[in-house]
Amino acid sequence: MTTNDSPERTKQRVSEQQRQQVLELRRRMSLREVATATGLPLGTVKTLVSRSGAFRDNLEHRAFFTLPPFRPSASTDLSTRAAPPQRTITGDKEVDALLWLRECIETGDEALIGLALEASKRIATPHKELDQRFREWEWKPYRLGLKPGIPPFRFHGLHELEGLARDSLALAKDRAEAAGRFGNVNADTDQEHWCCVVLAGMEPDGMGFHDKAEVAERFKAHLERLPHTLADCLHELDYWNDLWRLRRACPESPGAYTYEGPNEASARRFFVEGLLAEIRPRNRDEAKAVLRHATAHQRLEGATGDAILENLIG
């Protein structure tokens, strides 16, 4: 290593403009590519990047984009529930019994679910046959629109009690977590309010989207809450995913759509997703973590997916 590569010489010959250029290029290039683009020695580039701290995890950002702590005493959702009343709906005793067991399962009460699954084994007729009998009753022309209090089927048929039980238990757990963390999970969070403040005055288009370039400019002006690394991006995206998961378990009213927050919060999430194609991975493990995340959340389709892949392997 020559004296020209020493930290002392680096300080003397690198201007502030060059330093900023190195940091900006490093967000989308490898260290060697930055050195080539700027004409600076690779060792100098490494020193500038390391000393800046801009490519270490942003702890202030992570602390802000974190769910509130869980307070068990705030949740009463795990208390034992009474079984729903048995009703005559179709007039077919076996079908009505299966409908009632399904209602018991949808309460999310673990004890009731266990009893319902055990009781379902005592129905001699195959459950798929009962499902078909129910469909025939449901779709008779004069029945359409006249379904007295039949619970929604979500993603499971009448006979798919095991799958329904798994989902109901998961939803009950999420409801308890939402109550313990938020109380009212459908009220805008501090993070969503901050997004609204940063993007104040911007008007979304007819589809509810904000101008991507201006959104990026505004959020990048707030360095204290800007992801420095791909790991930071994944941390924040996990925050938004967890918030949606908890809200999905607690609709504002029965059958209501999940509240996704203000458009400004969606703009923030899209901005951070875009950074997955901009911020260079620090190592193979970080690149693999992004690839796993993008695969799990189906973010590898189209031009956006190609950009993420090019960033990870470039």
Protein backbone atom coordinates (compact mmCIF):
# COMPACT_ATOMS: atom_id res chain seq x y z
CA MET A 1 0.00 0.00 0.00
CA THR A 2 1.52 3.34 -1.08
CA THR A 3 1.37 6.54 0.88
CA ASN A 4 -1.19 7.80 -1.66
CA ASP A 5 -3.64 5.22 -0.31
CA SER A 6 -3.26 6.22 3.34
CA PRO A 7 -6.24 7.68 5.22
CA GLU A 8 -4.29 10.92 5.69
CA ARG A 9 -3.76 11.35 1.94
CA THR A 10 -7.42 10.41 1.32
CA LYS A 11 -8.58 13.31 3.47
CA GLN A 12 -6.36 15.76 1.58
CA ARG A 13 -7.18 14.90 -1.98
CA VAL A 14 -10.87 13.95 -1.93
CA SER A 15 -13.25 16.88 -2.15
CA GLU A 16 -16.67 16.96 -0.53
CA GLN A 17 -18.24 16.74 -3.97
CA GLN A 18 -16.26 13.60 -4.72
CA ARG A 19 -17.20 12.11 -1.36
CA GLN A 20 -20.89 12.71 -2.02
CA GLN A 21 -20.52 11.25 -5.51
CA VAL A 22 -18.92 8.11 -4.08
CA LEU A 23 -21.73 7.64 -1.57
CA GLU A 24 -24.42 8.23 -4.17
CA LEU A 25 -22.86 5.81 -6.65
CA ARG A 26 -22.31 3.19 -3.94
CA ARG A 27 -26.07 2.92 -3.45
CA ARG A 28 -26.37 1.31 -6.87
CA MET A 29 -22.86 0.11 -7.76
CA SER A 30 -20.24 -2.23 -6.39
CA LEU A 31 -17.16 -0.75 -4.74
CA ARG A 32 -15.03 -1.60 -7.76
CA GLU A 33 -17.55 0.01 -10.13
CA VAL A 34 -17.57 3.17 -8.01
CA ALA A 35 -13.78 3.31 -8.13
CA THR A 36 -13.86 2.99 -11.92
CA ALA A 37 -16.60 5.60 -12.33
CA THR A 38 -14.88 8.18 -10.11
CA GLY A 39 -11.28 7.46 -10.99
CA LEU A 40 -10.42 7.04 -7.31
CA PRO A 41 -8.36 4.15 -5.93
CA LEU A 42 -10.43 1.21 -4.67
CA GLY A 43 -8.90 1.58 -1.20
CA THR A 44 -9.96 5.22 -1.08
CA VAL A 45 -13.50 4.33 -2.06
CA LYS A 46 -13.66 1.65 0.64
CA THR A 47 -12.42 4.10 3.27
CA LEU A 48 -14.93 6.79 2.28
CA VAL A 49 -17.81 4.34 2.32
CA SER A 50 -16.80 2.80 5.64
CA ARG A 51 -16.28 6.14 7.41
CA SER A 52 -19.57 7.60 6.17
CA GLY A 53 -21.66 5.14 8.15
CA ALA A 54 -24.29 5.47 5.41
CA PHE A 55 -24.15 1.77 4.64
CA ARG A 56 -24.56 0.46 8.14
CA ASP A 57 -28.02 -0.40 9.42
CA ASN A 58 -29.95 2.74 10.36
CA LEU A 59 -30.95 2.04 13.95
CA GLU A 60 -33.08 5.19 14.22
CA HIS A 61 -35.05 4.11 11.18
CA ARG A 62 -35.54 0.62 12.61
CA ALA A 63 -36.71 1.94 15.97
CA PHE A 64 -39.34 4.09 14.28
CA PHE A 65 -40.70 1.40 11.96
CA THR A 66 -41.42 -1.10 14.73
CA LEU A 67 -44.76 -2.29 16.09
CA PRO A 68 -45.68 -1.05 19.58
CA PRO A 69 -44.71 -3.43 22.41
CA PHE A 70 -47.21 -6.16 23.23
CA ARG A 71 -49.14 -5.70 26.48
CA PRO A 72 -50.90 -9.00 27.35
CA SER A 73 -53.28 -7.39 29.84
CA ALA A 74 -54.77 -5.29 27.07
CA SER A 75 -56.13 -8.36 25.25
CA THR A 76 -59.25 -10.23 26.25
CA ASP A 77 -59.68 -12.06 22.98
CA LEU A 78 -58.44 -15.37 24.36
CA SER A 79 -61.25 -15.66 26.92
CA THR A 80 -63.54 -18.67 26.52
CA ARG A 81 -66.51 -18.09 24.25
CA ALA A 82 -69.98 -19.60 24.32
CA ALA A 83 -70.97 -21.82 21.42
CA PRO A 84 -73.16 -20.13 18.78
CA PRO A 85 -76.86 -21.12 18.91
CA GLN A 86 -77.88 -24.01 16.72
CA ARG A 87 -80.20 -22.96 13.89
CA THR A 88 -82.24 -24.45 11.10
CA ILE A 89 -80.93 -23.00 7.86
CA THR A 90 -81.32 -25.51 5.02
CA GLY A 91 -83.67 -27.99 6.68
CA ASP A 92 -81.13 -30.75 6.04
CA LYS A 93 -80.12 -31.81 9.56
CA GLU A 94 -76.66 -33.03 8.62
CA VAL A 95 -75.86 -29.95 6.52
CA ASP A 96 -77.14 -27.66 9.28
CA ALA A 97 -75.04 -29.56 11.82
CA LEU A 98 -71.93 -29.03 9.68
CA LEU A 99 -72.79 -25.34 9.27
CA TRP A 100 -73.07 -25.02 13.04
CA LEU A 101 -69.76 -26.78 13.63
CA ARG A 102 -68.22 -24.40 11.15
CA GLU A 103 -69.57 -21.44 13.11
CA CYS A 104 -68.05 -22.90 16.27
CA ILE A 105 -64.69 -23.13 14.53
CA GLU A 106 -64.92 -19.56 13.25
CA THR A 107 -65.13 -18.23 16.80
CA GLY A 108 -61.38 -18.84 17.05
CA ASP A 109 -61.85 -20.34 20.52
CA GLU A 110 -59.37 -23.20 20.85
CA ALA A 111 -61.59 -25.27 23.15
CA LEU A 112 -64.66 -24.88 20.92
CA ILE A 113 -62.61 -25.70 17.85
CA GLY A 114 -61.35 -28.92 19.43
CA LEU A 115 -64.89 -29.96 20.37
CA ALA A 116 -66.22 -29.08 16.91
CA LEU A 117 -63.56 -31.09 15.10
CA GLU A 118 -64.21 -34.07 17.37
CA ALA A 119 -67.97 -33.79 16.86
CA SER A 120 -67.54 -33.57 13.08
CA LYS A 121 -66.10 -37.10 13.09
CA ARG A 122 -69.46 -38.42 14.31
CA ILE A 123 -71.28 -37.26 11.17
CA ALA A 124 -71.50 -40.46 9.13
CA THR A 125 -72.12 -38.90 5.71
CA PRO A 126 -68.91 -37.85 3.93
CA HIS A 127 -68.41 -34.12 4.40
CA LYS A 128 -67.80 -33.56 0.70
CA GLU A 129 -71.25 -34.98 -0.01
CA LEU A 130 -72.75 -32.59 2.54
CA ASP A 131 -70.87 -29.74 0.91
CA GLN A 132 -72.44 -30.66 -2.44
CA ARG A 133 -75.92 -30.85 -0.89
CA PHE A 134 -75.40 -27.41 0.59
CA ARG A 135 -74.27 -25.99 -2.77
CA GLU A 136 -77.35 -27.38 -4.46
CA TRP A 137 -79.55 -25.76 -1.82
CA GLU A 138 -77.64 -22.47 -1.94
CA TRP A 139 -77.80 -22.01 -5.68
CA LYS A 140 -81.44 -22.79 -6.33
CA PRO A 141 -82.75 -19.72 -8.19
CA TYR A 142 -85.28 -18.79 -5.53
CA ARG A 143 -82.61 -19.05 -2.79
CA LEU A 144 -80.27 -16.44 -4.33
CA GLY A 145 -79.97 -13.45 -2.04
CA LEU A 146 -81.89 -15.25 0.71
CA LYS A 147 -79.22 -16.75 2.93
CA PRO A 148 -80.32 -16.37 6.55
CA GLY A 149 -77.18 -15.66 8.55
CA ILE A 150 -74.86 -18.10 6.81
CA PRO A 151 -71.26 -17.30 7.79
CA PRO A 152 -68.88 -16.30 4.95
CA PHE A 153 -66.78 -19.19 3.62
CA ARG A 154 -63.52 -17.28 3.18
CA PHE A 155 -61.19 -19.69 1.36
CA HIS A 156 -62.62 -22.98 2.60
CA GLY A 157 -65.56 -25.09 1.50
CA LEU A 158 -68.14 -26.28 3.97
CA HIS A 159 -66.33 -29.58 4.41
CA GLU A 160 -62.79 -28.20 4.88
CA LEU A 161 -62.90 -27.92 8.64
CA GLU A 162 -59.25 -28.65 9.34
CA GLY A 163 -58.03 -25.81 7.16
CA LEU A 164 -60.67 -23.50 8.57
CA ALA A 165 -59.56 -24.39 12.10
CA ARG A 166 -55.93 -23.48 11.33
CA ASP A 167 -56.97 -20.14 9.87
CA SER A 168 -59.37 -19.36 12.71
CA LEU A 169 -56.74 -20.04 15.35
CA ALA A 170 -54.26 -17.85 13.48
CA LEU A 171 -56.80 -15.04 13.20
CA ALA A 172 -57.64 -15.31 16.90
CA LYS A 173 -53.94 -15.06 17.73
CA ASP A 174 -53.62 -12.01 15.48
CA ARG A 175 -56.69 -10.39 17.07
CA ALA A 176 -55.16 -10.85 20.51
CA GLU A 177 -51.85 -9.41 19.28
CA ALA A 178 -53.60 -6.43 17.66
CA ALA A 179 -55.45 -5.67 20.90
CA GLY A 180 -52.28 -6.05 22.94
CA ARG A 181 -50.22 -3.79 20.70
CA PHE A 182 -52.68 -1.17 19.49
CA GLY A 183 -56.08 -1.34 21.14
CA ASN A 184 -57.60 0.00 17.91
CA VAL A 185 -55.40 -1.28 15.11
CA ASN A 186 -57.49 0.51 12.48
CA ALA A 187 -56.52 3.97 13.72
CA ASP A 188 -53.67 5.56 11.76
CA THR A 189 -50.29 4.85 13.34
CA ASP A 190 -47.55 7.39 14.09
CA GLN A 191 -45.67 6.04 11.08
CA GLU A 192 -48.65 6.61 8.78
CA HIS A 193 -49.16 10.11 10.18
CA TRP A 194 -45.48 10.88 9.50
CA CYS A 195 -45.88 9.73 5.89
CA CYS A 196 -48.84 12.11 5.53
CA VAL A 197 -46.77 15.00 6.93
CA VAL A 198 -43.83 14.31 4.57
CA LEU A 199 -46.08 14.11 1.50
CA ALA A 200 -48.39 16.95 2.55
CA GLY A 201 -49.69 18.91 -0.44
CA MET A 202 -49.13 16.10 -2.95
CA GLU A 203 -52.26 14.99 -4.77
CA PRO A 204 -52.58 11.37 -5.94
CA ASP A 205 -53.74 10.60 -9.45
CA GLY A 206 -57.09 9.05 -10.30
CA MET A 207 -55.81 5.62 -9.26
CA GLY A 208 -54.63 6.86 -5.86
CA PHE A 209 -50.89 6.85 -6.74
CA HIS A 210 -48.43 9.66 -6.02
CA ASP A 211 -45.66 10.80 -8.35
CA LYS A 212 -42.81 8.35 -7.69
CA ALA A 213 -39.99 10.82 -8.33
CA GLU A 214 -41.35 13.46 -5.96
CA VAL A 215 -42.17 10.82 -3.33
CA ALA A 216 -38.58 9.56 -3.46
CA GLU A 217 -37.18 13.09 -3.25
CA ARG A 218 -39.26 13.93 -0.20
CA PHE A 219 -38.54 10.73 1.71
CA LYS A 220 -34.83 10.85 0.89
CA ALA A 221 -34.68 14.30 2.46
CA HIS A 222 -35.40 12.68 5.84
CA LEU A 223 -32.13 10.85 6.35
CA GLU A 224 -32.93 9.84 9.92
CA ARG A 225 -35.73 7.58 8.64
CA LEU A 226 -34.17 6.50 5.38
CA PRO A 227 -33.14 2.84 4.97
CA HIS A 228 -29.36 2.60 4.63
CA THR A 229 -29.22 -1.09 3.78
CA LEU A 230 -31.33 -3.77 2.17
CA ALA A 231 -31.74 -5.24 5.65
CA ASP A 232 -33.29 -1.93 6.72
CA CYS A 233 -35.68 -2.15 3.77
CA LEU A 234 -36.77 -5.65 4.76
CA HIS A 235 -37.24 -4.51 8.36
CA GLU A 236 -39.59 -1.72 7.30
CA LEU A 237 -41.48 -3.88 4.81
CA ASP A 238 -42.01 -6.41 7.61
CA TYR A 239 -43.53 -3.59 9.67
CA TRP A 240 -46.07 -2.76 6.95
CA ASN A 241 -46.83 -6.46 6.34
CA ASP A 242 -47.38 -7.09 10.06
CA LEU A 243 -49.61 -4.03 10.35
CA TRP A 244 -51.75 -5.32 7.47
CA ARG A 245 -51.83 -8.83 9.00
CA LEU A 246 -53.14 -7.49 12.30
CA ARG A 247 -55.68 -5.27 10.57
CA ARG A 248 -56.90 -8.18 8.47
CA ALA A 249 -57.80 -9.98 11.71
CA CYS A 250 -59.73 -6.97 13.00
CA PRO A 251 -62.00 -5.54 10.28
CA GLU A 252 -63.76 -2.32 11.21
CA SER A 253 -67.08 -4.11 10.72
CA PRO A 254 -68.11 -7.70 9.82
CA GLY A 255 -67.27 -8.42 6.21
CA ALA A 256 -65.46 -5.09 5.73
CA TYR A 257 -62.30 -4.81 3.66
CA THR A 258 -59.00 -4.59 5.50
CA TYR A 259 -58.05 -0.97 6.18
CA GLU A 260 -54.79 -0.36 4.35
CA GLY A 261 -54.08 3.08 5.78
CA PRO A 262 -53.74 6.42 3.97
CA ASN A 263 -52.43 6.61 0.40
CA GLU A 264 -49.30 8.32 1.71
CA ALA A 265 -48.40 5.18 3.67
CA SER A 266 -48.81 3.08 0.52
CA ALA A 267 -46.54 5.53 -1.30
CA ARG A 268 -43.92 4.99 1.40
CA ARG A 269 -44.19 1.22 1.09
CA PHE A 270 -43.81 1.42 -2.72
CA PHE A 271 -40.81 3.72 -2.26
CA VAL A 272 -39.09 1.22 0.05
CA GLU A 273 -39.91 -1.65 -2.29
CA GLY A 274 -38.21 0.36 -5.03
CA LEU A 275 -35.06 0.62 -2.91
CA LEU A 276 -34.69 -3.16 -3.19
CA ALA A 277 -33.59 -2.48 -6.76
CA GLU A 278 -31.31 0.46 -5.81
CA ILE A 279 -29.37 -0.26 -2.62
CA ARG A 280 -26.55 -2.68 -3.29
CA PRO A 281 -26.35 -5.83 -1.13
CA ARG A 282 -23.46 -5.75 1.35
CA ASN A 283 -22.87 -9.48 1.11
CA ARG A 284 -24.33 -12.73 -0.20
CA ASP A 285 -26.44 -13.33 2.91
CA GLU A 286 -28.20 -9.98 2.51
CA ALA A 287 -28.79 -10.67 -1.17
CA LYS A 288 -30.28 -14.07 -0.34
CA ALA A 289 -32.55 -12.52 2.31
CA VAL A 290 -33.93 -10.08 -0.27
CA LEU A 291 -34.41 -12.87 -2.79
CA ARG A 292 -36.34 -14.95 -0.24
CA HIS A 293 -38.49 -11.94 0.68
CA ALA A 294 -39.18 -11.01 -2.93
CA THR A 295 -40.10 -14.60 -3.76
CA ALA A 296 -42.40 -14.97 -0.76
CA HIS A 297 -44.20 -11.71 -1.57
CA GLN A 298 -44.28 -12.23 -5.35
CA ARG A 299 -42.13 -9.21 -6.14
CA LEU A 300 -40.08 -10.83 -8.90
CA GLU A 301 -42.59 -10.34 -11.71
CA GLY A 302 -42.19 -7.89 -14.60
CA ALA A 303 -39.77 -4.99 -14.86
CA THR A 304 -39.74 -4.39 -11.10
CA GLY A 305 -38.67 -7.97 -10.42
CA ASP A 306 -36.00 -7.80 -13.10
CA ALA A 307 -34.58 -4.64 -11.52
CA ILE A 308 -34.36 -6.33 -8.12
CA LEU A 309 -32.62 -9.35 -9.61
CA GLU A 310 -30.17 -7.19 -11.57
CA ASN A 311 -29.33 -5.34 -8.35
CA LEU A 312 -28.73 -8.56 -6.44
CA ILE A 313 -26.56 -10.26 -9.04
CA GLY A 314 -24.96 -7.22 -10.71
